[in-house]
N, C-alpha and C. Protein backbone atom coordinates (compact mmCIF):
# COMPACT_ATOMS: atom_id res chain seq x y z
N MET A 1 43.08 -8.19 56.77
CA MET A 1 42.28 -7.38 57.22
C MET A 1 42.96 -6.55 58.18
N LYS A 2 44.00 -5.36 58.05
CA LYS A 2 44.55 -4.27 59.26
C LYS A 2 43.58 -3.74 60.16
N SER A 3 43.31 -4.01 61.37
CA SER A 3 42.62 -3.54 62.13
C SER A 3 43.16 -3.49 63.39
N ARG A 4 42.41 -2.17 64.28
CA ARG A 4 43.46 -1.87 65.78
C ARG A 4 42.73 -1.36 66.43
N TYR A 5 42.46 -0.97 67.86
CA TYR A 5 41.76 -0.74 68.60
C TYR A 5 40.11 -1.05 69.06
N LEU A 6 40.35 -2.36 69.05
CA LEU A 6 39.04 -2.75 68.88
C LEU A 6 38.18 -2.23 70.39
N LEU A 7 38.87 -2.22 71.49
CA LEU A 7 38.63 -1.86 72.61
C LEU A 7 38.09 -0.34 72.69
N ALA A 8 38.41 0.13 71.72
CA ALA A 8 38.43 1.54 72.08
C ALA A 8 36.93 1.43 71.21
N ALA A 9 36.37 0.83 70.56
CA ALA A 9 35.35 1.02 69.83
C ALA A 9 33.79 0.97 71.37
N LEU A 10 34.57 -0.45 72.36
CA LEU A 10 33.69 -0.23 73.19
C LEU A 10 33.35 1.17 73.97
N ILE A 11 33.25 2.34 73.26
CA ILE A 11 32.99 3.35 73.97
C ILE A 11 32.89 3.27 75.73
N ALA A 12 31.78 3.37 75.84
CA ALA A 12 32.12 2.99 77.26
C ALA A 12 31.37 2.07 77.49
N ALA A 13 31.07 0.92 76.99
CA ALA A 13 30.62 -0.51 77.26
C ALA A 13 31.86 -1.19 77.85
N ALA A 14 33.07 -0.85 77.51
CA ALA A 14 34.22 -1.26 78.55
C ALA A 14 34.21 -1.21 79.87
N SER A 15 32.95 -0.38 80.42
CA SER A 15 33.02 -0.46 81.64
C SER A 15 31.61 -0.91 82.06
N VAL A 16 30.95 -1.10 81.16
CA VAL A 16 29.54 -1.72 81.47
C VAL A 16 29.68 -3.00 81.01
N ALA A 17 30.48 -3.56 80.33
CA ALA A 17 30.14 -4.62 80.11
C ALA A 17 30.59 -5.77 81.22
N PRO A 18 31.02 -6.00 81.95
CA PRO A 18 31.22 -6.75 83.43
C PRO A 18 29.42 -6.67 84.19
N VAL A 19 28.87 -5.65 83.65
CA VAL A 19 27.69 -5.71 84.48
C VAL A 19 26.59 -6.53 83.36
N ALA A 20 26.61 -6.45 82.21
CA ALA A 20 25.70 -7.20 81.39
C ALA A 20 25.75 -8.82 81.51
N THR A 21 27.57 -8.94 81.35
CA THR A 21 27.95 -10.24 81.45
C THR A 21 27.51 -10.91 82.72
N TYR A 22 27.73 -10.12 83.58
CA TYR A 22 27.55 -11.01 85.20
C TYR A 22 26.05 -11.09 85.39
N ALA A 23 25.16 -10.64 84.68
CA ALA A 23 23.77 -10.53 84.52
C ALA A 23 23.84 -11.97 84.30
N GLN A 24 24.30 -12.52 83.29
CA GLN A 24 23.79 -13.89 81.93
C GLN A 24 25.13 -15.02 82.95
N THR A 25 26.02 -14.45 83.13
CA THR A 25 27.22 -15.57 83.43
C THR A 25 27.60 -15.66 85.57
N ALA A 26 27.88 -14.48 85.90
CA ALA A 26 27.90 -14.66 87.47
C ALA A 26 27.05 -14.66 88.66
N ALA A 27 27.51 -14.84 89.37
CA ALA A 27 26.66 -14.73 90.51
C ALA A 27 27.45 -13.33 91.17
N PRO A 28 26.19 -12.57 91.93
CA PRO A 28 26.97 -10.85 92.13
C PRO A 28 27.61 -11.50 93.41
N ALA A 29 28.44 -10.38 93.96
CA ALA A 29 29.18 -10.81 95.51
C ALA A 29 28.30 -11.08 96.50
N GLN A 30 28.29 -11.01 97.38
CA GLN A 30 27.18 -11.11 98.31
C GLN A 30 27.19 -10.05 99.29
N ASP A 31 28.09 -9.14 98.70
CA ASP A 31 28.39 -7.98 99.60
C ASP A 31 28.19 -6.51 98.92
N ALA A 32 28.13 -6.87 97.38
CA ALA A 32 27.86 -5.73 96.68
C ALA A 32 26.76 -5.86 95.40
N PRO A 33 25.85 -4.89 95.65
CA PRO A 33 24.71 -5.05 94.74
C PRO A 33 25.48 -4.99 93.16
N ASN A 34 24.21 -6.08 92.65
CA ASN A 34 24.73 -6.00 91.22
C ASN A 34 23.94 -5.29 90.30
N PRO A 35 24.33 -4.27 89.45
CA PRO A 35 23.38 -3.29 88.84
C PRO A 35 22.65 -4.04 88.08
N ALA A 36 23.67 -5.55 87.04
CA ALA A 36 22.89 -6.19 86.59
C ALA A 36 21.78 -6.72 86.51
N SER A 37 21.28 -6.98 87.83
CA SER A 37 20.01 -7.45 88.20
C SER A 37 19.00 -6.80 87.77
N GLN A 38 19.09 -5.21 87.51
CA GLN A 38 18.15 -4.27 86.87
C GLN A 38 18.07 -4.42 85.29
N ILE A 39 18.81 -5.23 84.89
CA ILE A 39 18.65 -5.62 83.42
C ILE A 39 17.34 -6.62 82.81
N PRO A 40 16.57 -6.10 82.22
CA PRO A 40 15.38 -7.37 81.81
C PRO A 40 16.08 -8.45 81.64
N ALA A 41 15.10 -9.55 81.82
CA ALA A 41 15.43 -10.68 81.25
C ALA A 41 15.20 -10.55 79.68
N ALA A 42 14.66 -9.79 79.12
CA ALA A 42 14.77 -10.18 77.67
C ALA A 42 15.80 -8.87 76.88
N ASP A 43 16.47 -8.15 77.46
CA ASP A 43 17.78 -7.75 77.18
C ASP A 43 19.00 -8.85 77.68
N LYS A 44 18.70 -9.32 78.51
CA LYS A 44 19.83 -10.62 78.98
C LYS A 44 19.63 -11.91 77.67
N GLN A 45 18.53 -11.88 77.29
CA GLN A 45 18.23 -12.75 76.64
C GLN A 45 18.84 -12.30 74.75
N ALA A 46 18.46 -11.36 74.87
CA ALA A 46 19.06 -10.58 73.54
C ALA A 46 20.68 -10.50 73.41
N ILE A 47 20.91 -10.35 74.46
CA ILE A 47 22.94 -10.61 74.92
C ILE A 47 23.00 -11.84 74.18
N GLN A 48 22.68 -13.12 74.66
CA GLN A 48 22.59 -14.03 74.86
C GLN A 48 22.73 -14.75 73.47
N SER A 49 21.89 -14.43 72.88
CA SER A 49 21.06 -14.81 71.37
C SER A 49 21.70 -14.11 70.48
N TYR A 50 22.57 -12.82 70.35
CA TYR A 50 23.12 -12.04 69.64
C TYR A 50 24.25 -13.16 69.15
N ASN A 51 24.10 -13.07 67.42
CA ASN A 51 25.62 -13.81 66.94
C ASN A 51 26.58 -13.06 66.28
N LEU A 52 27.65 -13.57 66.88
CA LEU A 52 28.77 -12.49 65.80
C LEU A 52 28.74 -12.64 64.72
N ASN A 53 29.42 -12.01 63.47
CA ASN A 53 29.77 -12.45 62.15
C ASN A 53 31.00 -11.59 61.77
N ASP A 54 31.21 -11.71 61.03
CA ASP A 54 32.27 -10.81 60.23
C ASP A 54 32.04 -9.70 59.70
N ASP A 55 30.87 -9.52 59.34
CA ASP A 55 30.51 -7.86 59.44
C ASP A 55 30.39 -7.18 60.11
N VAL A 56 29.21 -7.78 61.22
CA VAL A 56 29.64 -6.93 62.89
C VAL A 56 31.12 -6.76 63.36
N PHE A 57 31.65 -7.62 63.45
CA PHE A 57 33.20 -7.48 63.89
C PHE A 57 33.95 -6.43 63.10
N ASN A 58 33.77 -6.53 61.61
CA ASN A 58 34.64 -5.40 61.09
C ASN A 58 33.84 -4.02 61.43
N ARG A 59 32.51 -4.08 61.36
CA ARG A 59 32.16 -2.71 61.82
C ARG A 59 32.77 -2.37 63.38
N ILE A 60 32.89 -2.94 64.17
CA ILE A 60 33.31 -2.47 65.25
C ILE A 60 34.69 -2.29 65.48
N VAL A 61 35.51 -2.86 64.60
CA VAL A 61 36.83 -2.20 64.00
C VAL A 61 36.79 -1.12 63.59
N LYS A 62 36.37 -1.35 62.46
CA LYS A 62 35.95 0.29 61.90
C LYS A 62 35.48 1.61 62.77
N VAL A 63 34.78 1.41 63.80
CA VAL A 63 34.18 2.28 64.88
C VAL A 63 35.28 2.86 65.77
N SER A 64 35.87 1.88 65.88
CA SER A 64 37.23 1.44 66.89
C SER A 64 38.49 2.31 66.35
N GLN A 65 38.29 2.26 65.44
CA GLN A 65 39.71 2.77 64.46
C GLN A 65 39.46 4.44 64.29
N GLU A 66 37.84 5.10 64.25
CA GLU A 66 37.63 6.07 64.41
C GLU A 66 37.31 6.95 65.25
N ALA A 67 36.77 5.80 66.71
CA ALA A 67 36.56 6.72 67.83
C ALA A 67 37.81 6.86 68.23
N LYS A 68 38.71 6.20 68.05
CA LYS A 68 40.73 6.62 68.23
C LYS A 68 41.04 7.55 68.08
N GLN A 69 40.74 7.78 66.39
CA GLN A 69 41.56 9.07 65.72
C GLN A 69 40.67 10.20 66.46
N GLN A 70 39.14 10.49 66.61
CA GLN A 70 38.59 11.51 67.03
C GLN A 70 39.32 11.51 68.81
N GLY A 71 39.47 11.08 69.06
CA GLY A 71 39.77 11.01 70.45
C GLY A 71 38.72 10.28 71.36
N ILE A 72 38.16 9.84 70.92
CA ILE A 72 37.01 9.50 71.99
C ILE A 72 37.10 8.05 72.76
N ARG A 73 37.67 8.34 74.21
CA ARG A 73 38.02 7.04 74.77
C ARG A 73 37.12 6.34 75.63
N PRO A 74 36.80 5.19 75.86
CA PRO A 74 36.03 4.30 76.89
C PRO A 74 36.22 5.18 78.35
N LYS A 75 37.41 5.30 79.01
CA LYS A 75 37.80 5.43 80.40
C LYS A 75 36.84 7.01 80.56
N ASP A 76 36.87 7.89 79.68
CA ASP A 76 36.12 9.48 79.73
C ASP A 76 34.66 9.26 80.26
N ALA A 77 34.53 8.11 80.11
CA ALA A 77 32.88 8.21 80.09
C ALA A 77 32.49 7.34 81.44
N LYS A 78 31.37 8.25 82.02
CA LYS A 78 30.87 8.06 83.53
C LYS A 78 29.48 7.55 83.36
N THR A 79 29.35 6.52 83.78
CA THR A 79 28.18 5.62 83.80
C THR A 79 27.35 5.62 85.31
N ASP A 80 26.25 5.99 85.20
CA ASP A 80 25.58 6.28 86.84
C ASP A 80 24.96 4.33 86.56
N PHE A 81 24.97 3.72 87.25
CA PHE A 81 24.69 2.37 87.27
C PHE A 81 23.32 2.21 88.25
N SER A 82 22.81 3.29 88.76
CA SER A 82 21.63 3.20 89.79
C SER A 82 20.47 3.72 88.64
N LYS A 83 21.09 4.55 87.08
CA LYS A 83 19.91 4.92 86.36
C LYS A 83 19.98 3.96 85.24
N ILE A 84 20.74 2.80 85.20
CA ILE A 84 20.46 1.64 84.08
C ILE A 84 19.50 0.44 84.41
N HIS A 85 18.15 0.65 83.92
CA HIS A 85 17.20 -0.63 83.91
C HIS A 85 17.17 -1.33 82.88
N SER A 86 17.99 -1.46 81.48
CA SER A 86 18.00 -1.67 80.66
C SER A 86 19.08 -1.73 79.54
N LEU A 87 19.36 -2.22 78.31
CA LEU A 87 20.28 -1.65 77.35
C LEU A 87 19.83 -0.56 77.23
N ASP A 88 18.50 -0.41 76.80
CA ASP A 88 18.29 1.29 76.02
C ASP A 88 18.84 2.55 77.08
N ASP A 89 18.30 1.78 78.41
CA ASP A 89 19.39 3.46 79.42
C ASP A 89 20.72 3.37 79.14
N LEU A 90 21.01 2.21 79.22
CA LEU A 90 22.39 1.92 79.10
C LEU A 90 23.23 2.88 77.83
N ALA A 91 22.54 2.64 76.68
CA ALA A 91 23.01 3.11 75.54
C ALA A 91 22.57 4.49 75.19
N ALA A 92 21.76 5.41 76.23
CA ALA A 92 21.49 6.60 76.31
C ALA A 92 22.19 7.02 77.41
N GLN A 93 23.12 6.37 78.03
CA GLN A 93 24.22 7.03 78.95
C GLN A 93 25.54 6.96 77.87
N VAL A 94 25.86 5.91 77.57
CA VAL A 94 27.36 5.95 76.40
C VAL A 94 26.85 6.96 75.75
N THR A 95 26.08 7.18 74.68
CA THR A 95 25.85 8.37 73.90
C THR A 95 25.68 9.71 74.33
N ALA A 96 25.06 9.52 75.62
CA ALA A 96 25.03 11.15 76.09
C ALA A 96 26.67 11.52 76.59
N ALA A 97 27.43 10.31 77.00
CA ALA A 97 28.89 11.15 77.47
C ALA A 97 29.81 11.76 76.52
N ASP A 98 29.21 11.57 75.11
CA ASP A 98 30.30 12.45 74.11
C ASP A 98 29.19 12.40 72.93
N PRO A 99 29.25 13.38 72.19
CA PRO A 99 28.20 13.71 71.07
C PRO A 99 28.37 13.05 69.84
N ARG A 100 29.72 12.67 69.61
CA ARG A 100 30.11 12.19 68.79
C ARG A 100 30.15 10.54 68.57
N ILE A 101 29.48 9.98 69.65
CA ILE A 101 29.00 8.81 69.50
C ILE A 101 28.17 8.13 68.57
N GLU A 102 27.22 8.55 68.64
CA GLU A 102 25.89 7.99 67.98
C GLU A 102 25.70 8.73 66.73
N PRO A 103 26.42 9.43 66.24
CA PRO A 103 27.05 9.57 65.05
C PRO A 103 28.11 8.68 64.00
N LEU A 104 28.99 8.56 65.16
CA LEU A 104 29.75 7.51 64.48
C LEU A 104 29.13 6.27 64.66
N LEU A 105 28.46 5.81 65.38
CA LEU A 105 27.65 4.10 65.60
C LEU A 105 27.04 4.45 64.36
N LYS A 106 26.39 5.55 63.69
CA LYS A 106 25.00 5.21 62.92
C LYS A 106 25.73 5.68 61.70
N LYS A 107 26.97 5.98 61.11
CA LYS A 107 28.16 5.93 60.32
C LYS A 107 27.95 4.11 59.86
N TYR A 108 28.43 3.57 60.97
CA TYR A 108 28.62 2.21 60.44
C TYR A 108 27.48 1.21 60.65
N ASN A 109 26.11 1.58 60.43
CA ASN A 109 24.89 0.91 60.61
C ASN A 109 24.91 0.49 61.68
N PHE A 110 24.99 0.87 63.18
CA PHE A 110 24.79 0.49 64.42
C PHE A 110 24.09 1.32 65.21
N THR A 111 22.86 1.05 65.74
CA THR A 111 22.00 1.74 66.40
C THR A 111 23.03 1.89 67.81
N PRO A 112 22.63 2.52 68.92
CA PRO A 112 23.22 2.05 70.10
C PRO A 112 23.59 0.76 70.87
N ARG A 113 22.01 0.79 70.67
CA ARG A 113 21.35 -0.68 71.45
C ARG A 113 22.22 -2.05 70.87
N ASP A 114 21.99 -1.98 69.27
CA ASP A 114 22.41 -3.13 68.36
C ASP A 114 24.21 -3.29 68.98
N PHE A 115 25.11 -1.85 68.81
CA PHE A 115 26.58 -1.58 69.22
C PHE A 115 26.63 -2.16 70.56
N LEU A 116 25.87 -2.05 71.36
CA LEU A 116 26.15 -2.32 72.83
C LEU A 116 26.01 -4.18 72.51
N LEU A 117 24.84 -4.58 71.96
CA LEU A 117 24.90 -6.16 72.13
C LEU A 117 25.89 -6.77 71.20
N ALA A 118 26.54 -6.22 69.90
CA ALA A 118 27.44 -6.71 69.56
C ALA A 118 28.86 -7.06 70.83
N ASN A 119 29.29 -5.62 71.54
CA ASN A 119 30.23 -5.79 71.97
C ASN A 119 30.02 -6.43 73.10
N LEU A 120 28.82 -6.78 74.03
CA LEU A 120 28.66 -7.65 74.90
C LEU A 120 28.52 -8.75 74.56
N ALA A 121 27.99 -9.05 73.68
CA ALA A 121 28.26 -10.30 72.86
C ALA A 121 29.99 -10.90 73.30
N VAL A 122 30.63 -10.00 72.40
CA VAL A 122 32.13 -10.60 72.28
C VAL A 122 32.36 -10.80 73.49
N THR A 123 32.19 -9.89 74.56
CA THR A 123 32.70 -9.83 75.96
C THR A 123 32.18 -11.39 76.51
N ASN A 124 31.26 -11.61 76.59
CA ASN A 124 30.35 -12.77 76.90
C ASN A 124 31.57 -13.79 76.42
N ALA A 125 31.52 -13.82 74.93
CA ALA A 125 32.43 -14.88 74.43
C ALA A 125 33.83 -15.00 74.79
N ALA A 126 34.35 -14.20 75.11
CA ALA A 126 35.64 -14.02 76.07
C ALA A 126 35.54 -14.71 77.10
N ILE A 127 34.76 -14.26 77.85
CA ILE A 127 34.74 -15.02 79.19
C ILE A 127 34.49 -16.71 79.47
N ALA A 128 33.63 -16.57 78.61
CA ALA A 128 33.25 -18.36 78.15
C ALA A 128 34.75 -19.24 77.83
N SER A 129 34.93 -18.61 77.07
CA SER A 129 36.31 -19.11 76.51
C SER A 129 37.38 -19.29 77.16
N GLU A 130 37.65 -18.11 78.22
CA GLU A 130 38.44 -18.01 79.39
C GLU A 130 38.18 -19.14 80.27
N ALA A 131 36.95 -19.39 80.73
CA ALA A 131 36.23 -19.94 81.50
C ALA A 131 36.78 -21.69 81.49
N LYS A 132 36.93 -21.76 80.10
CA LYS A 132 37.12 -23.41 79.58
C LYS A 132 38.88 -23.80 80.58
N LYS A 133 39.15 -22.82 80.69
CA LYS A 133 41.42 -23.13 81.31
C LYS A 133 41.03 -22.67 82.55
N ASN A 134 39.77 -22.03 83.17
CA ASN A 134 39.99 -21.33 84.76
C ASN A 134 39.37 -21.92 84.91
N PRO A 135 39.30 -22.51 86.12
CA PRO A 135 38.49 -23.13 87.14
C PRO A 135 37.77 -22.55 88.07
N GLN A 136 38.35 -21.09 88.26
CA GLN A 136 37.81 -20.25 89.17
C GLN A 136 36.58 -19.52 88.27
N MET A 137 37.14 -19.14 87.36
CA MET A 137 36.10 -18.37 86.48
C MET A 137 34.83 -19.32 86.18
N ALA A 138 35.10 -20.42 85.59
CA ALA A 138 34.29 -21.27 84.91
C ALA A 138 33.13 -22.12 86.12
N ALA A 139 33.28 -21.58 87.86
CA ALA A 139 32.27 -21.86 88.58
C ALA A 139 31.42 -20.57 88.46
N TYR A 140 31.67 -19.43 87.92
CA TYR A 140 30.69 -18.47 87.65
C TYR A 140 30.03 -18.39 85.92
N VAL A 141 30.44 -19.13 85.45
CA VAL A 141 30.10 -19.13 84.30
C VAL A 141 28.52 -19.99 83.72
N ASP A 142 27.60 -20.16 83.95
CA ASP A 142 26.38 -20.64 83.49
C ASP A 142 26.27 -21.20 82.04
N GLN A 143 27.11 -22.36 81.54
CA GLN A 143 26.99 -22.91 80.55
C GLN A 143 25.97 -22.63 79.49
N SER A 144 24.84 -22.98 80.54
CA SER A 144 22.91 -23.37 79.82
C SER A 144 23.18 -21.58 78.83
N LYS A 145 24.01 -20.78 79.50
CA LYS A 145 23.29 -19.68 78.67
C LYS A 145 24.76 -18.90 77.97
N VAL A 146 25.75 -19.73 77.77
CA VAL A 146 26.72 -19.47 76.44
C VAL A 146 26.33 -19.83 75.52
N ASN A 147 26.53 -18.48 74.16
CA ASN A 147 26.31 -18.94 73.08
C ASN A 147 27.76 -19.64 72.47
N GLN A 148 27.49 -20.73 72.23
CA GLN A 148 28.90 -21.32 71.53
C GLN A 148 28.79 -20.89 70.34
N LYS A 149 28.50 -20.63 69.54
CA LYS A 149 28.61 -19.89 68.48
C LYS A 149 29.42 -18.70 68.56
N ASN A 150 28.97 -18.07 69.40
CA ASN A 150 29.82 -16.62 69.50
C ASN A 150 31.29 -17.20 70.36
N VAL A 151 31.18 -18.24 70.97
CA VAL A 151 32.51 -18.70 71.57
C VAL A 151 33.67 -19.19 70.37
N ALA A 152 33.19 -19.76 69.56
CA ALA A 152 33.57 -20.38 68.27
C ALA A 152 34.39 -19.04 67.52
N PHE A 153 33.42 -18.10 67.50
CA PHE A 153 33.82 -16.80 66.46
C PHE A 153 35.12 -16.15 67.25
N TYR A 154 34.49 -15.85 68.37
CA TYR A 154 36.02 -14.96 68.97
C TYR A 154 37.03 -15.93 69.38
N GLU A 155 36.78 -17.29 69.58
CA GLU A 155 38.55 -18.36 69.45
C GLU A 155 38.82 -18.08 68.25
N SER A 156 38.41 -17.70 66.79
CA SER A 156 38.76 -17.92 65.79
C SER A 156 39.57 -16.59 65.27
N HIS A 157 38.74 -15.41 66.35
CA HIS A 157 39.21 -14.46 66.02
C HIS A 157 40.16 -13.81 67.23
N LYS A 158 40.36 -14.61 68.12
CA LYS A 158 41.25 -14.02 69.37
C LYS A 158 42.49 -13.82 68.94
N ASP A 159 43.62 -14.00 68.12
CA ASP A 159 44.77 -13.37 68.00
C ASP A 159 44.73 -11.77 67.68
N GLN A 160 43.35 -11.68 66.67
CA GLN A 160 43.20 -10.58 66.18
C GLN A 160 42.92 -9.35 67.36
N ILE A 161 42.11 -10.09 68.05
CA ILE A 161 41.35 -9.48 69.55
C ILE A 161 42.35 -8.83 70.57
N ASN A 162 43.21 -10.21 70.68
CA ASN A 162 44.27 -9.99 71.38
C ASN A 162 45.38 -8.66 71.03
N ALA A 163 45.62 -8.71 69.80
CA ALA A 163 46.57 -7.67 69.06
C ALA A 163 45.81 -6.25 69.74
N LEU A 164 44.47 -6.00 68.85
CA LEU A 164 43.84 -4.87 69.30
C LEU A 164 43.76 -4.75 70.59
N MET A 165 43.43 -5.65 71.52
CA MET A 165 43.65 -4.81 73.10
C MET A 165 44.64 -4.26 73.62
N ALA A 166 46.06 -5.16 72.92
CA ALA A 166 47.31 -4.61 73.32
C ALA A 166 47.75 -3.39 72.88
N GLN A 167 47.21 -3.04 71.39
CA GLN A 167 47.45 -1.59 71.05
C GLN A 167 46.61 -0.93 71.72
N ASP A 168 45.57 -1.04 72.31
CA ASP A 168 44.48 -0.08 73.51
C ASP A 168 45.29 0.17 74.83
N ASP A 169 46.14 -0.85 75.06
CA ASP A 169 46.71 -0.91 76.42
C ASP A 169 47.89 -0.01 76.29
N GLY A 170 48.31 0.29 75.02
CA GLY A 170 49.73 1.16 75.00
C GLY A 170 50.67 0.11 74.52
N GLY A 171 50.23 -0.97 73.87
CA GLY A 171 51.41 -1.78 73.50
C GLY A 171 50.97 -1.39 71.73
N ASP A 172 52.13 -2.18 71.08
CA ASP A 172 52.46 -1.94 69.65
C ASP A 172 51.15 -2.94 68.64
N GLY A 173 50.62 -4.00 69.46
CA GLY A 173 49.28 -4.52 68.94
C GLY A 173 49.91 -5.49 67.67
N ARG A 174 51.21 -5.66 67.74
CA ARG A 174 51.72 -6.54 66.66
C ARG A 174 52.35 -7.89 67.04
């Protein structure tokens, strides 16, 4: 499968992923407010229990490719964390950032919430995978909240994801 631009598919979730990730895996900095603390436990559980698979991954890639073609860029979205108290609030801000986002997600059978869940599951899996070899990061990862199936999925797709990330960062991604 030739796929590029996975991170462009994050739309605005790229800037938000750490929020939901830290809601599950990291202790907030003592001097900084943690917007993820506003996310309800049910939403945190939904992220943790979301199971990645090839269908979801392939649809994320397709959204990413089309978003890139349409000029939808995650860095253009502005997120007001003071107004985010749930994944639904986050989804509303993401889709409000650009009127092309919601129809694009719908085209690939994602609701905005489902798209965020999938991307946050990938992000959490990436962090948990990295924590295996990074003792400093491991100190912030609550292993009891790690979805090991998603970590395995991420690791089996890591080369492809890294190539896509390099493409998004201006590299050739090959």
